Structures are given as C-alpha cells and as structure tokens.
Amino acid sequence: MTIIAGKNTKAEAVLEMLRKGIANREIRNRMPVSPSYVSLLKKQMAEEKAKPEPTPEPAPVVDKPEQLEKILDKRAEQYGTFMRNADIAIKLKQVIHNAMVREDTQLYPDQLQALDMIVTKIGRILTGNPSHLDSWIDIAGYAKLVSDRLQGNAR
C-alpha cells in the first residue's frame, strides 16, 4: 500500500509530525492510527529522502577558444545566425514597446522579461529549426511562469 501525501489528510498529518521528529508512540497518542501505518509512512519518507536528486545536464565547459567556436557553430546550425535572430527579435520587441506606449500598458518585470524571452525564442524559430522542441517548451515555460505568479505561485 502506498500513501501519497497531498491525497490523504491523515497521511499528511502523520508525515508532518514525523518531519518534526515526533516519536511514533506520541503520533499514535495524538491520532487514531496503527503502529504499522506510522511505520509505513516513516519508511516511505526515508525512501524519498534516499532518492538522489536529479542532476541537471552540465553546461559545456569552455576553457579554450576552439570549444567556444564549436558551441557557437552548433547553435547557429540550430537557431540560424545570431544577426538574423537579433534582427527579428529587436523588431518584435519594438512592436511590443510601441503598443505598450500607445495603449499606456504597464507590465510587471516578469511579464516584460517573459515577453522578451518569448520574442527571442520566436526569432530563433523563424531563423533556425522551427521543429526544435526546446524553443517551443521555453516559450510555454516563460508564459507559465507569469501565469503561475498571477495565480499566487511565484517561482
């Protein structure tokens, strides 16, 4: 039997007490739970703690100029030339800026930064590989960060 925190209020309460270091016997005195239930939750909590943290993909190490050249060439293959990308991104940013002035629109910093990054990703899509999944995921991610903050879940 697996108890999932967030789906069972009794489990959440027991887990919270376990995290605070409250002894099994004291937990059973405070709540109507069996010793095996508390032990099961304690075991699951220990297993969760024992799981290794996922390691992010390391950024390429650039300690030689030729390594930087390879990285830049690879990016140009995926996203097109930086000059073409920058040209599109700057023009789209000008459209956004002009609309903000014309409409007297005020944006929070995260909204403005998200739009800037989305425009950069659009430029990459238009000048490079339009099927590069990361570009589309990044656009969705920036929009989600703003959406989450508007819903009270700032990251």
C-alpha atoms as a PDB file:
ATOM      1  CA  MET A   1       0.000   0.000   0.000  1.00  0.00           C
ATOM      2  CA  THR A   2       1.381   3.407  -0.985  1.00  0.00           C
ATOM      3  CA  ILE A   3       0.283   6.521   0.827  1.00  0.00           C
ATOM      4  CA  ILE A   4       0.592   9.661  -1.276  1.00  0.00           C
ATOM      5  CA  ALA A   5       0.980  12.931   0.566  1.00  0.00           C
ATOM      6  CA  GLY A   6      -1.490  15.521  -0.663  1.00  0.00           C
ATOM      7  CA  LYS A   7      -4.129  12.866  -1.285  1.00  0.00           C
ATOM      8  CA  ASN A   8      -4.739  11.773   2.298  1.00  0.00           C
ATOM      9  CA  THR A   9      -5.080  14.275   5.132  1.00  0.00           C
ATOM     10  CA  LYS A  10      -4.293  11.675   7.794  1.00  0.00           C
ATOM     11  CA  ALA A  11      -1.078  10.760   5.978  1.00  0.00           C
ATOM     12  CA  GLU A  12      -0.164  14.428   5.628  1.00  0.00           C
ATOM     13  CA  ALA A  13      -0.639  14.989   9.358  1.00  0.00           C
ATOM     14  CA  VAL A  14       1.438  11.937  10.284  1.00  0.00           C
ATOM     15  CA  LEU A  15       4.187  12.880   7.828  1.00  0.00           C
ATOM     16  CA  GLU A  16       4.294  16.404   9.227  1.00  0.00           C
ATOM     17  CA  MET A  17       4.726  15.045  12.754  1.00  0.00           C
ATOM     18  CA  LEU A  18       7.425  12.639  11.567  1.00  0.00           C
ATOM     19  CA  ARG A  19       9.274  15.518   9.902  1.00  0.00           C
ATOM     20  CA  LYS A  20       9.146  17.397  13.216  1.00  0.00           C
ATOM     21  CA  GLY A  21      10.770  14.407  14.912  1.00  0.00           C
ATOM     22  CA  ILE A  22       7.748  13.396  16.983  1.00  0.00           C
ATOM     23  CA  ALA A  23       8.049   9.798  18.193  1.00  0.00           C
ATOM     24  CA  ASN A  24       5.820   7.056  16.770  1.00  0.00           C
ATOM     25  CA  ARG A  25       4.134   6.466  20.124  1.00  0.00           C
ATOM     26  CA  GLU A  26       3.302  10.178  20.522  1.00  0.00           C
ATOM     27  CA  ILE A  27       1.852  10.246  16.989  1.00  0.00           C
ATOM     28  CA  ARG A  28      -0.387   7.271  17.848  1.00  0.00           C
ATOM     29  CA  ASN A  29      -1.486   9.061  21.028  1.00  0.00           C
ATOM     30  CA  ARG A  30      -2.443  12.164  19.054  1.00  0.00           C
ATOM     31  CA  MET A  31      -4.140  10.420  16.141  1.00  0.00           C
ATOM     32  CA  PRO A  32      -6.128   7.236  15.654  1.00  0.00           C
ATOM     33  CA  VAL A  33      -3.508   5.396  13.593  1.00  0.00           C
ATOM     34  CA  SER A  34      -1.960   1.978  13.869  1.00  0.00           C
ATOM     35  CA  PRO A  35       1.740   1.386  14.562  1.00  0.00           C
ATOM     36  CA  SER A  36       2.088  -0.260  11.142  1.00  0.00           C
ATOM     37  CA  TYR A  37       0.578   2.816   9.421  1.00  0.00           C
ATOM     38  CA  VAL A  38       3.090   5.135  11.086  1.00  0.00           C
ATOM     39  CA  SER A  39       5.934   2.732  10.274  1.00  0.00           C
ATOM     40  CA  LEU A  40       4.846   2.542   6.629  1.00  0.00           C
ATOM     41  CA  LEU A  41       4.829   6.321   6.309  1.00  0.00           C
ATOM     42  CA  LYS A  42       8.185   6.603   8.081  1.00  0.00           C
ATOM     43  CA  LYS A  43       9.659   4.037   5.686  1.00  0.00           C
ATOM     44  CA  GLN A  44       8.278   5.848   2.632  1.00  0.00           C
ATOM     45  CA  MET A  45       9.618   9.144   3.919  1.00  0.00           C
ATOM     46  CA  ALA A  46      13.087   7.583   4.363  1.00  0.00           C
ATOM     47  CA  GLU A  47      12.954   6.128   0.846  1.00  0.00           C
ATOM     48  CA  GLU A  48      12.065   9.544  -0.585  1.00  0.00           C
ATOM     49  CA  LYS A  49      14.973  11.153   1.243  1.00  0.00           C
ATOM     50  CA  ALA A  50      17.322   8.427  -0.050  1.00  0.00           C
ATOM     51  CA  LYS A  51      16.448   9.095  -3.697  1.00  0.00           C
ATOM     52  CA  PRO A  52      19.235  11.006  -5.393  1.00  0.00           C
ATOM     53  CA  GLU A  53      18.477  14.498  -6.638  1.00  0.00           C
ATOM     54  CA  PRO A  54      18.270  14.611 -10.424  1.00  0.00           C
ATOM     55  CA  THR A  55      21.421  16.139 -11.800  1.00  0.00           C
ATOM     56  CA  PRO A  56      20.950  18.819 -14.411  1.00  0.00           C
ATOM     57  CA  GLU A  57      22.755  18.471 -17.702  1.00  0.00           C
ATOM     58  CA  PRO A  58      26.081  20.196 -17.233  1.00  0.00           C
ATOM     59  CA  ALA A  59      26.753  23.313 -19.248  1.00  0.00           C
ATOM     60  CA  PRO A  60      29.515  22.878 -21.763  1.00  0.00           C
ATOM     61  CA  VAL A  61      32.903  23.727 -20.342  1.00  0.00           C
ATOM     62  CA  VAL A  62      34.551  26.464 -22.336  1.00  0.00           C
ATOM     63  CA  ASP A  63      38.162  26.810 -21.364  1.00  0.00           C
ATOM     64  CA  LYS A  64      39.593  27.021 -24.876  1.00  0.00           C
ATOM     65  CA  PRO A  65      38.627  29.377 -27.695  1.00  0.00           C
ATOM     66  CA  GLU A  66      38.080  26.474 -30.113  1.00  0.00           C
ATOM     67  CA  GLN A  67      35.482  24.988 -27.733  1.00  0.00           C
ATOM     68  CA  LEU A  68      33.543  28.240 -27.808  1.00  0.00           C
ATOM     69  CA  GLU A  69      33.734  28.235 -31.616  1.00  0.00           C
ATOM     70  CA  LYS A  70      32.222  24.719 -31.724  1.00  0.00           C
ATOM     71  CA  ILE A  71      29.402  25.717 -29.378  1.00  0.00           C
ATOM     72  CA  LEU A  72      28.607  28.841 -31.382  1.00  0.00           C
ATOM     73  CA  ASP A  73      28.668  26.900 -34.671  1.00  0.00           C
ATOM     74  CA  LYS A  74      26.328  24.263 -33.228  1.00  0.00           C
ATOM     75  CA  ARG A  75      23.924  26.962 -32.002  1.00  0.00           C
ATOM     76  CA  ALA A  76      23.984  28.656 -35.420  1.00  0.00           C
ATOM     77  CA  GLU A  77      23.026  25.332 -37.033  1.00  0.00           C
ATOM     78  CA  GLN A  78      20.054  25.020 -34.680  1.00  0.00           C
ATOM     79  CA  TYR A  79      18.926  28.653 -34.432  1.00  0.00           C
ATOM     80  CA  GLY A  80      20.272  30.399 -37.524  1.00  0.00           C
ATOM     81  CA  THR A  81      22.747  33.249 -37.427  1.00  0.00           C
ATOM     82  CA  PHE A  82      22.763  35.486 -34.397  1.00  0.00           C
ATOM     83  CA  MET A  83      22.452  38.587 -36.600  1.00  0.00           C
ATOM     84  CA  ARG A  84      19.257  37.337 -38.299  1.00  0.00           C
ATOM     85  CA  ASN A  85      17.817  36.207 -34.985  1.00  0.00           C
ATOM     86  CA  ALA A  86      18.643  39.531 -33.326  1.00  0.00           C
ATOM     87  CA  ASP A  87      17.105  41.471 -36.219  1.00  0.00           C
ATOM     88  CA  ILE A  88      13.751  39.680 -35.850  1.00  0.00           C
ATOM     89  CA  ALA A  89      13.796  39.822 -32.037  1.00  0.00           C
ATOM     90  CA  ILE A  90      14.553  43.563 -31.964  1.00  0.00           C
ATOM     91  CA  LYS A  91      11.789  44.321 -34.456  1.00  0.00           C
ATOM     92  CA  LEU A  92       9.262  42.301 -32.445  1.00  0.00           C
ATOM     93  CA  LYS A  93      10.380  43.997 -29.227  1.00  0.00           C
ATOM     94  CA  GLN A  94       9.843  47.378 -30.897  1.00  0.00           C
ATOM     95  CA  VAL A  95       6.279  46.353 -31.786  1.00  0.00           C
ATOM     96  CA  ILE A  96       5.658  45.371 -28.159  1.00  0.00           C
ATOM     97  CA  HIS A  97       7.225  48.569 -26.811  1.00  0.00           C
ATOM     98  CA  ASN A  98       5.239  50.769 -29.217  1.00  0.00           C
ATOM     99  CA  ALA A  99       1.993  49.004 -28.292  1.00  0.00           C
ATOM    100  CA  MET A 100       2.734  49.481 -24.589  1.00  0.00           C
ATOM    101  CA  VAL A 101       3.289  53.213 -25.112  1.00  0.00           C
ATOM    102  CA  ARG A 102       0.267  53.625 -27.390  1.00  0.00           C
ATOM    103  CA  GLU A 103      -2.046  51.693 -25.070  1.00  0.00           C
ATOM    104  CA  ASP A 104      -0.421  53.042 -21.879  1.00  0.00           C
ATOM    105  CA  THR A 105       0.139  49.467 -20.710  1.00  0.00           C
ATOM    106  CA  GLN A 106       2.210  48.815 -17.606  1.00  0.00           C
ATOM    107  CA  LEU A 107       3.779  45.381 -17.190  1.00  0.00           C
ATOM    108  CA  TYR A 108       5.373  43.776 -14.168  1.00  0.00           C
ATOM    109  CA  PRO A 109       9.066  42.889 -14.599  1.00  0.00           C
ATOM    110  CA  ASP A 110       8.337  39.176 -15.007  1.00  0.00           C
ATOM    111  CA  GLN A 111       5.761  39.897 -17.720  1.00  0.00           C
ATOM    112  CA  LEU A 112       8.140  42.110 -19.666  1.00  0.00           C
ATOM    113  CA  GLN A 113      11.034  39.678 -19.300  1.00  0.00           C
ATOM    114  CA  ALA A 114       8.825  36.764 -20.366  1.00  0.00           C
ATOM    115  CA  LEU A 115       7.766  38.667 -23.479  1.00  0.00           C
ATOM    116  CA  ASP A 116      11.405  39.492 -24.245  1.00  0.00           C
ATOM    117  CA  MET A 117      12.447  35.861 -23.906  1.00  0.00           C
ATOM    118  CA  ILE A 118       9.454  34.624 -25.919  1.00  0.00           C
ATOM    119  CA  VAL A 119      10.343  37.061 -28.690  1.00  0.00           C
ATOM    120  CA  THR A 120      13.935  35.774 -28.645  1.00  0.00           C
ATOM    121  CA  LYS A 121      12.636  32.209 -28.963  1.00  0.00           C
ATOM    122  CA  ILE A 122      10.321  33.257 -31.820  1.00  0.00           C
ATOM    123  CA  GLY A 123      13.324  34.781 -33.589  1.00  0.00           C
ATOM    124  CA  ARG A 124      15.205  31.500 -33.212  1.00  0.00           C
ATOM    125  CA  ILE A 125      12.247  29.533 -34.545  1.00  0.00           C
ATOM    126  CA  LEU A 126      11.941  31.796 -37.579  1.00  0.00           C
ATOM    127  CA  THR A 127      15.658  31.840 -38.425  1.00  0.00           C
ATOM    128  CA  GLY A 128      16.606  28.307 -37.439  1.00  0.00           C
ATOM    129  CA  ASN A 129      14.979  24.938 -36.992  1.00  0.00           C
ATOM    130  CA  PRO A 130      11.245  25.514 -36.421  1.00  0.00           C
ATOM    131  CA  SER A 131      10.884  21.947 -35.136  1.00  0.00           C
ATOM    132  CA  HIS A 132      13.439  22.335 -32.353  1.00  0.00           C
ATOM    133  CA  LEU A 133      11.324  21.240 -29.387  1.00  0.00           C
ATOM    134  CA  ASP A 134      13.264  23.196 -26.751  1.00  0.00           C
ATOM    135  CA  SER A 135      12.295  26.524 -28.327  1.00  0.00           C
ATOM    136  CA  TRP A 136       8.591  25.708 -28.026  1.00  0.00           C
ATOM    137  CA  ILE A 137       8.968  24.351 -24.494  1.00  0.00           C
ATOM    138  CA  ASP A 138      10.842  27.514 -23.479  1.00  0.00           C
ATOM    139  CA  ILE A 139       8.024  29.702 -24.820  1.00  0.00           C
ATOM    140  CA  ALA A 140       5.468  27.690 -22.853  1.00  0.00           C
ATOM    141  CA  GLY A 141       7.704  27.838 -19.778  1.00  0.00           C
ATOM    142  CA  TYR A 142       8.030  31.626 -19.766  1.00  0.00           C
ATOM    143  CA  ALA A 143       4.273  32.014 -20.209  1.00  0.00           C
ATOM    144  CA  LYS A 144       3.668  29.510 -17.394  1.00  0.00           C
ATOM    145  CA  LEU A 145       5.966  31.371 -15.007  1.00  0.00           C
ATOM    146  CA  VAL A 146       3.868  34.530 -15.417  1.00  0.00           C
ATOM    147  CA  SER A 147       0.607  32.580 -15.290  1.00  0.00           C
ATOM    148  CA  ASP A 148       1.706  30.812 -12.096  1.00  0.00           C
ATOM    149  CA  ARG A 149       2.703  34.111 -10.448  1.00  0.00           C
ATOM    150  CA  LEU A 150      -0.680  35.631 -11.345  1.00  0.00           C
ATOM    151  CA  GLN A 151      -2.283  32.654  -9.587  1.00  0.00           C
ATOM    152  CA  GLY A 152      -0.202  33.168  -6.442  1.00  0.00           C
ATOM    153  CA  ASN A 153       2.520  30.601  -7.186  1.00  0.00           C
ATOM    154  CA  ALA A 154       5.597  32.704  -7.900  1.00  0.00           C
ATOM    155  CA  ARG A 155       8.761  30.737  -8.566  1.00  0.00           C
END
